[in-house]
């Protein structure tokens, strides 16, 4: 299961990296006029990388977290 999860995470990370390749664009008057516009592709990349990191952690630690949760629920139920 962990190997399958790691392969899935690696495939998603490769797809994200490939799809978000930065393409140089000439600056327009609109981008110069709004210096507080922000770096949208950067924030998108950070969000997607965070999601991939969470998926990887869940793939690796899922069974242990599930066992810990079930043990806690059994303790509370008594």
Protein backbone atom coordinates (compact mmCIF):
# COMPACT_ATOMS: atom_id res chain seq x y z
CA UNK A 1 0.00 0.00 0.00
CA UNK A 2 2.78 2.43 0.90
CA UNK A 3 4.60 1.76 -2.39
CA UNK A 4 1.41 2.42 -4.34
CA UNK A 5 0.88 5.66 -2.38
CA UNK A 6 4.42 6.83 -3.04
CA UNK A 7 4.10 6.09 -6.74
CA UNK A 8 0.85 8.05 -6.84
CA UNK A 9 2.41 11.00 -5.01
CA UNK A 10 5.43 10.95 -7.35
CA UNK A 11 3.17 10.89 -10.41
CA UNK A 12 1.06 13.77 -9.12
CA UNK A 13 4.16 15.80 -8.25
CA UNK A 14 5.59 15.23 -11.72
CA UNK A 15 2.30 16.24 -13.32
CA UNK A 16 2.09 19.39 -11.22
CA UNK A 17 5.67 20.35 -11.98
CA UNK A 18 5.13 19.78 -15.69
CA UNK A 19 1.84 21.67 -15.86
CA UNK A 20 3.09 24.70 -13.94
CA UNK A 21 6.18 25.35 -16.02
CA UNK A 22 6.84 29.06 -15.92
CA UNK A 23 6.61 30.76 -19.28
CA UNK A 24 8.27 34.15 -19.62
CA UNK A 25 5.70 36.77 -20.57
CA UNK A 26 6.35 40.35 -21.55
CA UNK A 27 5.27 42.88 -18.97
CA UNK A 28 2.19 44.82 -19.87
CA UNK A 29 1.03 48.19 -18.63
CA UNK A 30 -1.57 46.45 -16.43
CA UNK A 31 1.05 44.41 -14.56
CA UNK A 32 3.27 47.46 -14.02
CA UNK A 33 0.36 49.58 -12.74
CA UNK A 34 -0.56 47.05 -10.01
CA UNK A 35 2.53 46.22 -7.92
CA UNK A 36 0.38 44.59 -5.20
CA UNK A 37 -1.13 42.12 -7.63
CA UNK A 38 0.89 39.20 -6.26
CA UNK A 39 2.41 36.08 -7.67
CA UNK A 40 -0.55 33.85 -8.50
CA UNK A 41 1.44 30.96 -10.06
CA UNK A 42 3.68 30.90 -6.99
CA UNK A 43 0.73 30.61 -4.63
CA UNK A 44 -0.86 27.94 -6.79
CA UNK A 45 2.38 25.95 -6.72
CA UNK A 46 2.66 26.28 -2.93
CA UNK A 47 -0.94 25.11 -2.49
CA UNK A 48 -0.52 22.12 -4.78
CA UNK A 49 2.79 21.13 -3.19
CA UNK A 50 1.15 21.30 0.25
CA UNK A 51 -1.65 19.04 -0.97
CA UNK A 52 0.89 16.56 -2.35
CA UNK A 53 2.78 16.63 0.95
CA UNK A 54 -0.42 15.88 2.90
CA UNK A 55 -1.28 13.05 0.50
CA UNK A 56 2.21 11.57 0.93
CA UNK A 57 1.98 11.75 4.72
CA UNK A 58 -1.43 10.11 4.67
CA UNK A 59 -0.19 7.39 2.34
CA UNK A 60 2.74 6.62 4.63
CA UNK A 61 1.17 7.12 8.05
CA UNK A 62 -2.48 6.29 7.28
CA UNK A 63 -2.61 2.87 8.93
CA UNK A 64 -0.82 4.11 12.05
CA UNK A 65 -3.14 7.11 12.33
CA UNK A 66 -6.18 4.89 11.85
CA UNK A 67 -5.01 2.51 14.57
CA UNK A 68 -4.33 5.41 16.94
CA UNK A 69 -7.80 6.88 16.25
CA UNK A 70 -9.53 3.53 16.80
CA UNK A 71 -7.63 3.01 20.07
CA UNK A 72 -8.67 6.49 21.26
CA UNK A 73 -12.32 5.84 20.35
CA UNK A 74 -12.25 2.50 22.18
CA UNK A 75 -10.85 4.22 25.26
CA UNK A 76 -13.50 6.95 25.19
CA UNK A 77 -16.31 4.44 24.66
CA UNK A 78 -15.54 2.53 27.86
